[in-house]
């Protein structure tokens, strides 16, 4: 028997949750760097950012594309794609406040795209 894939709303909620985790990670990294340089080094390891971005791109692309196909609106995918682009661009900025701001901005835009996608599917 073929199992059904999760609905777009479920994927969007998962992606919004992942965006929230990313936001918590960014804020926690900045706070921990200020307080504990050794713990901050672990959270700021490049692999954490690369794996997180890869997960966001995989889930985001799938959920936003699936939603666009189902409800026919492209705006949520465009907004989400912009957020993914800003997040990817943040990887090119040296670690520090600017990287955190760009990442948080990208995460917020991506979450908005997923929310628009979820609402369009209602």
PDB file of N, CA and C in Angstrom:
ATOM      1  N   UNK A   1       0.848  -1.178   0.000  1.00  0.00           N
ATOM      2  CA  UNK A   1       0.000   0.000   0.000  1.00  0.00           C
ATOM      3  C   UNK A   1       0.895   1.243   0.000  1.00  0.00           C
ATOM      4  N   UNK A   2       0.571   2.212  -0.813  1.00  0.00           N
ATOM      5  CA  UNK A   2       1.358   3.432  -0.925  1.00  0.00           C
ATOM      6  C   UNK A   2       0.938   4.401   0.172  1.00  0.00           C
ATOM      7  N   UNK A   3       1.951   4.912   0.903  1.00  0.00           N
ATOM      8  CA  UNK A   3       1.656   5.890   1.948  1.00  0.00           C
ATOM      9  C   UNK A   3       1.585   7.275   1.316  1.00  0.00           C
ATOM     10  N   UNK A   4       0.697   8.073   1.844  1.00  0.00           N
ATOM     11  CA  UNK A   4       0.558   9.439   1.350  1.00  0.00           C
ATOM     12  C   UNK A   4       1.652  10.308   1.934  1.00  0.00           C
ATOM     13  N   UNK A   5       2.128  11.242   1.145  1.00  0.00           N
ATOM     14  CA  UNK A   5       3.088  12.214   1.643  1.00  0.00           C
ATOM     15  C   UNK A   5       2.365  13.207   2.534  1.00  0.00           C
ATOM     16  N   UNK A   6       3.087  13.804   3.469  1.00  0.00           N
ATOM     17  CA  UNK A   6       2.429  14.810   4.300  1.00  0.00           C
ATOM     18  C   UNK A   6       1.890  15.938   3.430  1.00  0.00           C
ATOM     19  N   UNK A   7       0.800  16.538   3.855  1.00  0.00           N
ATOM     20  CA  UNK A   7       0.210  17.643   3.114  1.00  0.00           C
ATOM     21  C   UNK A   7       1.091  18.873   3.162  1.00  0.00           C
ATOM     22  N   UNK A   8       0.825  19.804   2.282  1.00  0.00           N
ATOM     23  CA  UNK A   8       1.607  21.034   2.212  1.00  0.00           C
ATOM     24  C   UNK A   8       1.552  21.788   3.527  1.00  0.00           C
ATOM     25  N   UNK A   9       0.375  21.833   4.156  1.00  0.00           N
ATOM     26  CA  UNK A   9       0.262  22.536   5.437  1.00  0.00           C
ATOM     27  C   UNK A   9       1.187  21.957   6.484  1.00  0.00           C
ATOM     28  N   UNK A  10       1.297  20.636   6.537  1.00  0.00           N
ATOM     29  CA  UNK A  10       2.193  19.975   7.482  1.00  0.00           C
ATOM     30  C   UNK A  10       3.641  20.326   7.179  1.00  0.00           C
ATOM     31  N   UNK A  11       4.008  20.292   5.904  1.00  0.00           N
ATOM     32  CA  UNK A  11       5.378  20.631   5.528  1.00  0.00           C
ATOM     33  C   UNK A  11       5.686  22.090   5.834  1.00  0.00           C
ATOM     34  N   UNK A  12       4.715  22.980   5.586  1.00  0.00           N
ATOM     35  CA  UNK A  12       4.935  24.389   5.889  1.00  0.00           C
ATOM     36  C   UNK A  12       5.099  24.604   7.387  1.00  0.00           C
ATOM     37  N   UNK A  13       4.271  23.920   8.193  1.00  0.00           N
ATOM     38  CA  UNK A  13       4.430  24.048   9.648  1.00  0.00           C
ATOM     39  C   UNK A  13       5.793  23.528  10.090  1.00  0.00           C
ATOM     40  N   UNK A  14       6.252  22.427   9.502  1.00  0.00           N
ATOM     41  CA  UNK A  14       7.576  21.891   9.804  1.00  0.00           C
ATOM     42  C   UNK A  14       8.655  22.898   9.418  1.00  0.00           C
ATOM     43  N   UNK A  15       8.512  23.501   8.248  1.00  0.00           N
ATOM     44  CA  UNK A  15       9.492  24.476   7.785  1.00  0.00           C
ATOM     45  C   UNK A  15       9.486  25.727   8.660  1.00  0.00           C
ATOM     46  N   UNK A  16       8.310  26.178   9.103  1.00  0.00           N
ATOM     47  CA  UNK A  16       8.231  27.330  10.005  1.00  0.00           C
ATOM     48  C   UNK A  16       8.906  26.978  11.327  1.00  0.00           C
ATOM     49  N   UNK A  17       8.691  25.755  11.804  1.00  0.00           N
ATOM     50  CA  UNK A  17       9.359  25.313  13.031  1.00  0.00           C
ATOM     51  C   UNK A  17      10.867  25.294  12.870  1.00  0.00           C
ATOM     52  N   UNK A  18      11.349  24.822  11.708  1.00  0.00           N
ATOM     53  CA  UNK A  18      12.781  24.812  11.434  1.00  0.00           C
ATOM     54  C   UNK A  18      13.314  26.239  11.386  1.00  0.00           C
ATOM     55  N   UNK A  19      12.542  27.160  10.814  1.00  0.00           N
ATOM     56  CA  UNK A  19      12.943  28.564  10.791  1.00  0.00           C
ATOM     57  C   UNK A  19      13.056  29.105  12.209  1.00  0.00           C
ATOM     58  N   UNK A  20      12.110  28.725  13.056  1.00  0.00           N
ATOM     59  CA  UNK A  20      12.165  29.144  14.460  1.00  0.00           C
ATOM     60  C   UNK A  20      13.385  28.591  15.166  1.00  0.00           C
ATOM     61  N   UNK A  21      13.707  27.335  14.897  1.00  0.00           N
ATOM     62  CA  UNK A  21      14.919  26.743  15.492  1.00  0.00           C
ATOM     63  C   UNK A  21      16.165  27.475  15.020  1.00  0.00           C
ATOM     64  N   UNK A  22      16.187  27.861  13.756  1.00  0.00           N
ATOM     65  CA  UNK A  22      17.316  28.607  13.223  1.00  0.00           C
ATOM     66  C   UNK A  22      17.448  29.954  13.939  1.00  0.00           C
ATOM     67  N   UNK A  23      16.322  30.616  14.152  1.00  0.00           N
ATOM     68  CA  UNK A  23      16.327  31.887  14.851  1.00  0.00           C
ATOM     69  C   UNK A  23      16.850  31.723  16.275  1.00  0.00           C
ATOM     70  N   UNK A  24      16.381  30.686  16.971  1.00  0.00           N
ATOM     71  CA  UNK A  24      16.863  30.406  18.328  1.00  0.00           C
ATOM     72  C   UNK A  24      18.362  30.126  18.300  1.00  0.00           C
ATOM     73  N   UNK A  25      18.830  29.365  17.309  1.00  0.00           N
ATOM     74  CA  UNK A  25      20.249  29.056  17.171  1.00  0.00           C
ATOM     75  C   UNK A  25      21.069  30.333  17.012  1.00  0.00           C
ATOM     76  N   UNK A  26      20.590  31.245  16.153  1.00  0.00           N
ATOM     77  CA  UNK A  26      21.329  32.488  15.912  1.00  0.00           C
ATOM     78  C   UNK A  26      21.427  33.333  17.180  1.00  0.00           C
ATOM     79  N   UNK A  27      20.312  33.491  17.850  1.00  0.00           N
ATOM     80  CA  UNK A  27      20.311  34.292  19.073  1.00  0.00           C
ATOM     81  C   UNK A  27      21.152  33.620  20.154  1.00  0.00           C
ATOM     82  N   UNK A  28      21.003  32.295  20.304  1.00  0.00           N
ATOM     83  CA  UNK A  28      21.772  31.565  21.306  1.00  0.00           C
ATOM     84  C   UNK A  28      23.264  31.649  21.018  1.00  0.00           C
ATOM     85  N   UNK A  29      23.635  31.592  19.746  1.00  0.00           N
ATOM     86  CA  UNK A  29      25.048  31.676  19.379  1.00  0.00           C
ATOM     87  C   UNK A  29      25.638  33.013  19.806  1.00  0.00           C
ATOM     88  N   UNK A  30      24.922  34.086  19.508  1.00  0.00           N
ATOM     89  CA  UNK A  30      25.425  35.418  19.866  1.00  0.00           C
ATOM     90  C   UNK A  30      25.537  35.557  21.378  1.00  0.00           C
ATOM     91  N   UNK A  31      24.514  35.095  22.101  1.00  0.00           N
ATOM     92  CA  UNK A  31      24.536  35.182  23.567  1.00  0.00           C
ATOM     93  C   UNK A  31      25.658  34.326  24.137  1.00  0.00           C
ATOM     94  N   UNK A  32      25.777  33.106  23.637  1.00  0.00           N
ATOM     95  CA  UNK A  32      26.805  32.217  24.170  1.00  0.00           C
ATOM     96  C   UNK A  32      28.208  32.692  23.821  1.00  0.00           C
ATOM     97  N   UNK A  33      28.362  33.314  22.673  1.00  0.00           N
ATOM     98  CA  UNK A  33      29.679  33.857  22.334  1.00  0.00           C
ATOM     99  C   UNK A  33      30.034  34.966  23.310  1.00  0.00           C
ATOM    100  N   UNK A  34      29.060  35.767  23.647  1.00  0.00           N
ATOM    101  CA  UNK A  34      29.303  36.852  24.597  1.00  0.00           C
ATOM    102  C   UNK A  34      29.658  36.312  25.976  1.00  0.00           C
ATOM    103  N   UNK A  35      29.039  35.197  26.357  1.00  0.00           N
ATOM    104  CA  UNK A  35      29.246  34.652  27.696  1.00  0.00           C
ATOM    105  C   UNK A  35      30.335  33.580  27.770  1.00  0.00           C
ATOM    106  N   UNK A  36      30.322  32.657  26.826  1.00  0.00           N
ATOM    107  CA  UNK A  36      31.227  31.519  26.865  1.00  0.00           C
ATOM    108  C   UNK A  36      31.855  31.292  25.498  1.00  0.00           C
ATOM    109  N   UNK A  37      33.066  31.736  25.311  1.00  0.00           N
ATOM    110  CA  UNK A  37      33.707  31.627  24.003  1.00  0.00           C
ATOM    111  C   UNK A  37      33.847  30.172  23.557  1.00  0.00           C
ATOM    112  N   UNK A  38      34.088  29.263  24.469  1.00  0.00           N
ATOM    113  CA  UNK A  38      34.270  27.864  24.063  1.00  0.00           C
ATOM    114  C   UNK A  38      32.964  27.249  23.565  1.00  0.00           C
ATOM    115  N   UNK A  39      31.838  27.516  24.211  1.00  0.00           N
ATOM    116  CA  UNK A  39      30.545  26.982  23.763  1.00  0.00           C
ATOM    117  C   UNK A  39      30.121  27.651  22.462  1.00  0.00           C
ATOM    118  N   UNK A  40      30.430  28.916  22.325  1.00  0.00           N
ATOM    119  CA  UNK A  40      30.090  29.636  21.101  1.00  0.00           C
ATOM    120  C   UNK A  40      30.823  29.061  19.902  1.00  0.00           C
ATOM    121  N   UNK A  41      32.058  28.610  20.101  1.00  0.00           N
ATOM    122  CA  UNK A  41      32.828  28.016  19.014  1.00  0.00           C
ATOM    123  C   UNK A  41      32.156  26.763  18.467  1.00  0.00           C
ATOM    124  N   UNK A  42      31.564  25.966  19.352  1.00  0.00           N
ATOM    125  CA  UNK A  42      30.866  24.757  18.917  1.00  0.00           C
ATOM    126  C   UNK A  42      29.628  25.108  18.089  1.00  0.00           C
ATOM    127  N   UNK A  43      28.830  26.053  18.564  1.00  0.00           N
ATOM    128  CA  UNK A  43      27.600  26.422  17.854  1.00  0.00           C
ATOM    129  C   UNK A  43      27.879  27.151  16.539  1.00  0.00           C
ATOM    130  N   UNK A  44      29.033  27.777  16.436  1.00  0.00           N
ATOM    131  CA  UNK A  44      29.352  28.529  15.224  1.00  0.00           C
ATOM    132  C   UNK A  44      30.177  27.715  14.237  1.00  0.00           C
ATOM    133  N   UNK A  45      30.321  26.431  14.479  1.00  0.00           N
ATOM    134  CA  UNK A  45      31.055  25.584  13.541  1.00  0.00           C
ATOM    135  C   UNK A  45      30.378  25.678  12.179  1.00  0.00           C
ATOM    136  N   UNK A  46      31.170  25.852  11.105  1.00  0.00           N
ATOM    137  CA  UNK A  46      30.568  26.007   9.768  1.00  0.00           C
ATOM    138  C   UNK A  46      29.621  24.872   9.377  1.00  0.00           C
ATOM    139  N   UNK A  47      29.872  23.670   9.839  1.00  0.00           N
ATOM    140  CA  UNK A  47      29.014  22.539   9.469  1.00  0.00           C
ATOM    141  C   UNK A  47      27.589  22.734   9.979  1.00  0.00           C
ATOM    142  N   UNK A  48      27.424  23.362  11.138  1.00  0.00           N
ATOM    143  CA  UNK A  48      26.084  23.612  11.685  1.00  0.00           C
ATOM    144  C   UNK A  48      25.295  24.480  10.713  1.00  0.00           C
ATOM    145  N   UNK A  49      25.943  25.525  10.202  1.00  0.00           N
ATOM    146  CA  UNK A  49      25.262  26.424   9.282  1.00  0.00           C
ATOM    147  C   UNK A  49      24.989  25.757   7.929  1.00  0.00           C
ATOM    148  N   UNK A  50      25.952  25.014   7.448  1.00  0.00           N
ATOM    149  CA  UNK A  50      25.789  24.374   6.145  1.00  0.00           C
ATOM    150  C   UNK A  50      24.701  23.304   6.181  1.00  0.00           C
ATOM    151  N   UNK A  51      24.682  22.494   7.230  1.00  0.00           N
ATOM    152  CA  UNK A  51      23.652  21.457   7.356  1.00  0.00           C
ATOM    153  C   UNK A  51      22.277  22.099   7.544  1.00  0.00           C
ATOM    154  N   UNK A  52      22.205  23.131   8.377  1.00  0.00           N
ATOM    155  CA  UNK A  52      20.936  23.825   8.591  1.00  0.00           C
ATOM    156  C   UNK A  52      20.400  24.436   7.308  1.00  0.00           C
ATOM    157  N   UNK A  53      21.288  25.062   6.528  1.00  0.00           N
ATOM    158  CA  UNK A  53      20.854  25.658   5.260  1.00  0.00           C
ATOM    159  C   UNK A  53      20.414  24.575   4.282  1.00  0.00           C
ATOM    160  N   UNK A  54      21.144  23.467   4.241  1.00  0.00           N
ATOM    161  CA  UNK A  54      20.762  22.371   3.342  1.00  0.00           C
ATOM    162  C   UNK A  54      19.381  21.827   3.707  1.00  0.00           C
ATOM    163  N   UNK A  55      19.117  21.665   5.012  1.00  0.00           N
ATOM    164  CA  UNK A  55      17.796  21.198   5.449  1.00  0.00           C
ATOM    165  C   UNK A  55      16.716  22.206   5.080  1.00  0.00           C
ATOM    166  N   UNK A  56      16.991  23.489   5.317  1.00  0.00           N
ATOM    167  CA  UNK A  56      16.007  24.530   4.998  1.00  0.00           C
ATOM    168  C   UNK A  56      15.725  24.554   3.502  1.00  0.00           C
ATOM    169  N   UNK A  57      16.762  24.406   2.685  1.00  0.00           N
ATOM    170  CA  UNK A  57      16.560  24.440   1.230  1.00  0.00           C
ATOM    171  C   UNK A  57      15.777  23.215   0.752  1.00  0.00           C
ATOM    172  N   UNK A  58      16.084  22.058   1.313  1.00  0.00           N
ATOM    173  CA  UNK A  58      15.380  20.840   0.886  1.00  0.00           C
ATOM    174  C   UNK A  58      13.904  20.894   1.266  1.00  0.00           C
ATOM    175  N   UNK A  59      13.626  21.163   2.533  1.00  0.00           N
ATOM    176  CA  UNK A  59      12.240  21.201   3.006  1.00  0.00           C
ATOM    177  C   UNK A  59      11.502  22.378   2.376  1.00  0.00           C
ATOM    178  N   UNK A  60      12.161  23.532   2.339  1.00  0.00           N
ATOM    179  CA  UNK A  60      11.528  24.729   1.792  1.00  0.00           C
ATOM    180  C   UNK A  60      11.173  24.580   0.334  1.00  0.00           C
ATOM    181  N   UNK A  61      12.111  24.094  -0.459  1.00  0.00           N
ATOM    182  CA  UNK A  61      11.857  23.925  -1.887  1.00  0.00           C
ATOM    183  C   UNK A  61      10.715  22.950  -2.126  1.00  0.00           C
ATOM    184  N   UNK A  62      10.742  21.830  -1.421  1.00  0.00           N
ATOM    185  CA  UNK A  62       9.700  20.824  -1.604  1.00  0.00           C
ATOM    186  C   UNK A  62       8.330  21.362  -1.190  1.00  0.00           C
ATOM    187  N   UNK A  63       8.253  21.956   0.005  1.00  0.00           N
ATOM    188  CA  UNK A  63       6.963  22.438   0.516  1.00  0.00           C
ATOM    189  C   UNK A  63       6.417  23.579  -0.332  1.00  0.00           C
ATOM    190  N   UNK A  64       7.265  24.527  -0.688  1.00  0.00           N
ATOM    191  CA  UNK A  64       6.798  25.676  -1.460  1.00  0.00           C
ATOM    192  C   UNK A  64       6.399  25.275  -2.883  1.00  0.00           C
ATOM    193  N   UNK A  65       7.174  24.387  -3.499  1.00  0.00           N
ATOM    194  CA  UNK A  65       6.824  23.929  -4.845  1.00  0.00           C
ATOM    195  C   UNK A  65       5.532  23.117  -4.815  1.00  0.00           C
ATOM    196  N   UNK A  66       5.410  22.238  -3.837  1.00  0.00           N
ATOM    197  CA  UNK A  66       4.193  21.420  -3.717  1.00  0.00           C
ATOM    198  C   UNK A  66       2.976  22.317  -3.516  1.00  0.00           C
ATOM    199  N   UNK A  67       3.110  23.322  -2.692  1.00  0.00           N
ATOM    200  CA  UNK A  67       2.005  24.256  -2.465  1.00  0.00           C
ATOM    201  C   UNK A  67       1.637  25.023  -3.720  1.00  0.00           C
ATOM    202  N   UNK A  68       2.643  25.496  -4.444  1.00  0.00           N
ATOM    203  CA  UNK A  68       2.366  26.244  -5.685  1.00  0.00           C
ATOM    204  C   UNK A  68       1.631  25.383  -6.697  1.00  0.00           C
ATOM    205  N   UNK A  69       2.003  24.119  -6.772  1.00  0.00           N
ATOM    206  CA  UNK A  69       1.324  23.200  -7.693  1.00  0.00           C
ATOM    207  C   UNK A  69      -0.118  22.969  -7.247  1.00  0.00           C
ATOM    208  N   UNK A  70      -0.329  22.814  -5.936  1.00  0.00           N
ATOM    209  CA  UNK A  70      -1.666  22.520  -5.421  1.00  0.00           C
ATOM    210  C   UNK A  70      -2.609  23.706  -5.506  1.00  0.00           C
ATOM    211  N   UNK A  71      -2.147  24.896  -5.081  1.00  0.00           N
ATOM    212  CA  UNK A  71      -3.075  26.032  -5.039  1.00  0.00           C
ATOM    213  C   UNK A  71      -2.872  27.013  -6.184  1.00  0.00           C
ATOM    214  N   UNK A  72      -1.782  26.889  -6.924  1.00  0.00           N
ATOM    215  CA  UNK A  72      -1.589  27.699  -8.116  1.00  0.00           C
ATOM    216  C   UNK A  72      -1.010  29.084  -7.883  1.00  0.00           C
ATOM    217  N   UNK A  73      -0.654  29.432  -6.653  1.00  0.00           N
ATOM    218  CA  UNK A  73      -0.086  30.740  -6.371  1.00  0.00           C
ATOM    219  C   UNK A  73       1.441  30.635  -6.322  1.00  0.00           C
ATOM    220  N   UNK A  74       2.120  31.569  -6.996  1.00  0.00           N
ATOM    221  CA  UNK A  74       3.577  31.541  -7.058  1.00  0.00           C
ATOM    222  C   UNK A  74       4.194  32.458  -5.997  1.00  0.00           C
ATOM    223  N   UNK A  75       3.450  33.445  -5.510  1.00  0.00           N
ATOM    224  CA  UNK A  75       3.997  34.410  -4.556  1.00  0.00           C
ATOM    225  C   UNK A  75       4.628  33.749  -3.329  1.00  0.00           C
ATOM    226  N   UNK A  76       3.973  32.770  -2.688  1.00  0.00           N
ATOM    227  CA  UNK A  76       4.621  32.152  -1.526  1.00  0.00           C
ATOM    228  C   UNK A  76       5.985  31.541  -1.860  1.00  0.00           C
ATOM    229  N   UNK A  77       6.097  30.895  -3.010  1.00  0.00           N
ATOM    230  CA  UNK A  77       7.376  30.299  -3.413  1.00  0.00           C
ATOM    231  C   UNK A  77       8.412  31.380  -3.694  1.00  0.00           C
ATOM    232  N   UNK A  78       7.989  32.490  -4.284  1.00  0.00           N
ATOM    233  CA  UNK A  78       8.916  33.586  -4.567  1.00  0.00           C
ATOM    234  C   UNK A  78       9.427  34.208  -3.274  1.00  0.00           C
ATOM    235  N   UNK A  79       8.539  34.438  -2.320  1.00  0.00           N
ATOM    236  CA  UNK A  79       8.937  35.007  -1.035  1.00  0.00           C
ATOM    237  C   UNK A  79       9.861  34.036  -0.302  1.00  0.00           C
ATOM    238  N   UNK A  80       9.489  32.757  -0.272  1.00  0.00           N
ATOM    239  CA  UNK A  80      10.328  31.753   0.380  1.00  0.00           C
ATOM    240  C   UNK A  80      11.684  31.624  -0.290  1.00  0.00           C
ATOM    241  N   UNK A  81      11.716  31.678  -1.620  1.00  0.00           N
ATOM    242  CA  UNK A  81      12.986  31.622  -2.347  1.00  0.00           C
ATOM    243  C   UNK A  81      13.885  32.805  -2.022  1.00  0.00           C
ATOM    244  N   UNK A  82      13.287  33.978  -1.860  1.00  0.00           N
ATOM    245  CA  UNK A  82      14.058  35.151  -1.451  1.00  0.00           C
ATOM    246  C   UNK A  82      14.680  34.922  -0.072  1.00  0.00           C
ATOM    247  N   UNK A  83      13.881  34.374   0.853  1.00  0.00           N
ATOM    248  CA  UNK A  83      14.400  34.085   2.193  1.00  0.00           C
ATOM    249  C   UNK A  83      15.548  33.098   2.151  1.00  0.00           C
ATOM    250  N   UNK A  84      15.421  32.041   1.346  1.00  0.00           N
ATOM    251  CA  UNK A  84      16.508  31.067   1.210  1.00  0.00           C
ATOM    252  C   UNK A  84      17.752  31.728   0.622  1.00  0.00           C
ATOM    253  N   UNK A  85      17.562  32.627  -0.332  1.00  0.00           N
ATOM    254  CA  UNK A  85      18.691  33.338  -0.922  1.00  0.00           C
ATOM    255  C   UNK A  85      19.411  34.221   0.076  1.00  0.00           C
ATOM    256  N   UNK A  86      18.650  34.923   0.907  1.00  0.00           N
ATOM    257  CA  UNK A  86      19.260  35.770   1.932  1.00  0.00           C
ATOM    258  C   UNK A  86      20.017  34.900   2.938  1.00  0.00           C
ATOM    259  N   UNK A  87      19.418  33.756   3.315  1.00  0.00           N
ATOM    260  CA  UNK A  87      20.108  32.843   4.240  1.00  0.00           C
ATOM    261  C   UNK A  87      21.398  32.320   3.627  1.00  0.00           C
ATOM    262  N   UNK A  88      21.361  31.933   2.356  1.00  0.00           N
ATOM    263  CA  UNK A  88      22.564  31.437   1.688  1.00  0.00           C
ATOM    264  C   UNK A  88      23.616  32.542   1.592  1.00  0.00           C
ATOM    265  N   UNK A  89      23.176  33.747   1.302  1.00  0.00           N
ATOM    266  CA  UNK A  89      24.107  34.870   1.229  1.00  0.00           C
ATOM    267  C   UNK A  89      24.765  35.174   2.564  1.00  0.00           C
ATOM    268  N   UNK A  90      24.061  34.918   3.648  1.00  0.00           N
ATOM    269  CA  UNK A  90      24.617  35.165   4.980  1.00  0.00           C
ATOM    270  C   UNK A  90      25.837  34.286   5.256  1.00  0.00           C
ATOM    271  N   UNK A  91      25.914  33.127   4.596  1.00  0.00           N
ATOM    272  CA  UNK A  91      27.086  32.263   4.780  1.00  0.00           C
ATOM    273  C   UNK A  91      28.364  32.904   4.245  1.00  0.00           C
ATOM    274  N   UNK A  92      28.245  33.875   3.340  1.00  0.00           N
ATOM    275  CA  UNK A  92      29.424  34.526   2.779  1.00  0.00           C
ATOM    276  C   UNK A  92      29.907  35.700   3.628  1.00  0.00           C
ATOM    277  N   UNK A  93      29.143  36.071   4.648  1.00  0.00           N
ATOM    278  CA  UNK A  93      29.508  37.181   5.527  1.00  0.00           C
ATOM    279  C   UNK A  93      30.321  36.615   6.691  1.00  0.00           C
ATOM    280  N   UNK A  94      31.414  37.292   7.097  1.00  0.00           N
ATOM    281  CA  UNK A  94      32.190  36.794   8.239  1.00  0.00           C
ATOM    282  C   UNK A  94      31.321  36.707   9.495  1.00  0.00           C
ATOM    283  N   UNK A  95      31.671  35.736  10.371  1.00  0.00           N
ATOM    284  CA  UNK A  95      30.914  35.576  11.614  1.00  0.00           C
ATOM    285  C   UNK A  95      30.873  36.896  12.373  1.00  0.00           C
ATOM    286  N   UNK A  96      29.716  37.195  12.898  1.00  0.00           N
ATOM    287  CA  UNK A  96      29.549  38.424  13.664  1.00  0.00           C
ATOM    288  C   UNK A  96      28.123  38.913  13.565  1.00  0.00           C
ATOM    289  N   UNK A  97      27.907  40.140  14.026  1.00  0.00           N
ATOM    290  CA  UNK A  97      26.545  40.690  14.042  1.00  0.00           C
ATOM    291  C   UNK A  97      25.900  40.773  12.657  1.00  0.00           C
ATOM    292  N   UNK A  98      26.659  41.108  11.631  1.00  0.00           N
ATOM    293  CA  UNK A  98      26.077  41.238  10.291  1.00  0.00           C
ATOM    294  C   UNK A  98      25.557  39.890   9.800  1.00  0.00           C
ATOM    295  N   UNK A  99      26.323  38.826  10.024  1.00  0.00           N
ATOM    296  CA  UNK A  99      25.880  37.489   9.608  1.00  0.00           C
ATOM    297  C   UNK A  99      24.590  37.114  10.331  1.00  0.00           C
ATOM    298  N   UNK A 100      24.527  37.415  11.617  1.00  0.00           N
ATOM    299  CA  UNK A 100      23.339  37.096  12.408  1.00  0.00           C
ATOM    300  C   UNK A 100      22.124  37.853  11.889  1.00  0.00           C
ATOM    301  N   UNK A 101      22.306  39.131  11.589  1.00  0.00           N
ATOM    302  CA  UNK A 101      21.194  39.953  11.091  1.00  0.00           C
ATOM    303  C   UNK A 101      20.704  39.427   9.741  1.00  0.00           C
ATOM    304  N   UNK A 102      21.626  39.135   8.831  1.00  0.00           N
ATOM    305  CA  UNK A 102      21.220  38.611   7.520  1.00  0.00           C
ATOM    306  C   UNK A 102      20.521  37.259   7.648  1.00  0.00           C
ATOM    307  N   UNK A 103      21.059  36.401   8.500  1.00  0.00           N
ATOM    308  CA  UNK A 103      20.443  35.087   8.676  1.00  0.00           C
ATOM    309  C   UNK A 103      19.039  35.223   9.257  1.00  0.00           C
ATOM    310  N   UNK A 104      18.890  36.050  10.282  1.00  0.00           N
ATOM    311  CA  UNK A 104      17.579  36.238  10.901  1.00  0.00           C
ATOM    312  C   UNK A 104      16.594  36.852   9.915  1.00  0.00           C
ATOM    313  N   UNK A 105      17.056  37.776   9.094  1.00  0.00           N
ATOM    314  CA  UNK A 105      16.196  38.374   8.073  1.00  0.00           C
ATOM    315  C   UNK A 105      15.744  37.309   7.075  1.00  0.00           C
ATOM    316  N   UNK A 106      16.688  36.479   6.616  1.00  0.00           N
ATOM    317  CA  UNK A 106      16.349  35.408   5.676  1.00  0.00           C
ATOM    318  C   UNK A 106      15.378  34.410   6.270  1.00  0.00           C
ATOM    319  N   UNK A 107      15.600  34.048   7.532  1.00  0.00           N
ATOM    320  CA  UNK A 107      14.709  33.104   8.213  1.00  0.00           C
ATOM    321  C   UNK A 107      13.302  33.688   8.319  1.00  0.00           C
ATOM    322  N   UNK A 108      13.203  34.960   8.654  1.00  0.00           N
ATOM    323  CA  UNK A 108      11.896  35.606   8.760  1.00  0.00           C
ATOM    324  C   UNK A 108      11.170  35.654   7.425  1.00  0.00           C
ATOM    325  N   UNK A 109      11.899  35.975   6.353  1.00  0.00           N
ATOM    326  CA  UNK A 109      11.289  36.026   5.017  1.00  0.00           C
ATOM    327  C   UNK A 109      10.846  34.624   4.597  1.00  0.00           C
ATOM    328  N   UNK A 110      11.692  33.622   4.868  1.00  0.00           N
ATOM    329  CA  UNK A 110      11.332  32.240   4.523  1.00  0.00           C
ATOM    330  C   UNK A 110      10.092  31.792   5.297  1.00  0.00           C
ATOM    331  N   UNK A 111      10.039  32.093   6.584  1.00  0.00           N
ATOM    332  CA  UNK A 111       8.863  31.729   7.383  1.00  0.00           C
ATOM    333  C   UNK A 111       7.608  32.417   6.844  1.00  0.00           C
ATOM    334  N   UNK A 112       7.740  33.672   6.404  1.00  0.00           N
ATOM    335  CA  UNK A 112       6.604  34.381   5.804  1.00  0.00           C
ATOM    336  C   UNK A 112       6.145  33.652   4.538  1.00  0.00           C
ATOM    337  N   UNK A 113       7.087  33.222   3.706  1.00  0.00           N
ATOM    338  CA  UNK A 113       6.726  32.484   2.501  1.00  0.00           C
ATOM    339  C   UNK A 113       5.967  31.201   2.829  1.00  0.00           C
ATOM    340  N   UNK A 114       6.442  30.472   3.856  1.00  0.00           N
ATOM    341  CA  UNK A 114       5.741  29.241   4.255  1.00  0.00           C
ATOM    342  C   UNK A 114       4.357  29.548   4.826  1.00  0.00           C
ATOM    343  N   UNK A 115       4.236  30.649   5.554  1.00  0.00           N
ATOM    344  CA  UNK A 115       2.927  31.012   6.104  1.00  0.00           C
ATOM    345  C   UNK A 115       1.966  31.381   4.977  1.00  0.00           C
ATOM    346  N   UNK A 116       2.452  32.145   3.998  1.00  0.00           N
ATOM    347  CA  UNK A 116       1.613  32.460   2.839  1.00  0.00           C
ATOM    348  C   UNK A 116       1.200  31.195   2.095  1.00  0.00           C
ATOM    349  N   UNK A 117       2.135  30.251   1.975  1.00  0.00           N
ATOM    350  CA  UNK A 117       1.863  28.989   1.297  1.00  0.00           C
ATOM    351  C   UNK A 117       0.790  28.198   2.041  1.00  0.00           C
ATOM    352  N   UNK A 118       0.916  28.154   3.358  1.00  0.00           N
ATOM    353  CA  UNK A 118      -0.049  27.426   4.183  1.00  0.00           C
ATOM    354  C   UNK A 118      -1.428  28.065   4.074  1.00  0.00           C
ATOM    355  N   UNK A 119      -1.479  29.385   4.130  1.00  0.00           N
ATOM    356  CA  UNK A 119      -2.769  30.091   4.054  1.00  0.00           C
ATOM    357  C   UNK A 119      -3.425  29.939   2.679  1.00  0.00           C
ATOM    358  N   UNK A 120      -2.603  29.911   1.625  1.00  0.00           N
ATOM    359  CA  UNK A 120      -3.149  29.755   0.281  1.00  0.00           C
ATOM    360  C   UNK A 120      -3.770  28.380   0.092  1.00  0.00           C
ATOM    361  N   UNK A 121      -3.286  27.399   0.846  1.00  0.00           N
ATOM    362  CA  UNK A 121      -3.796  26.045   0.720  1.00  0.00           C
ATOM    363  C   UNK A 121      -5.040  25.778   1.542  1.00  0.00           C
ATOM    364  N   UNK A 122      -5.443  26.745   2.356  1.00  0.00           N
ATOM    365  CA  UNK A 122      -6.612  26.555   3.227  1.00  0.00           C
ATOM    366  C   UNK A 122      -7.887  26.667   2.423  1.00  0.00           C
TER     367      UNK A 122
END
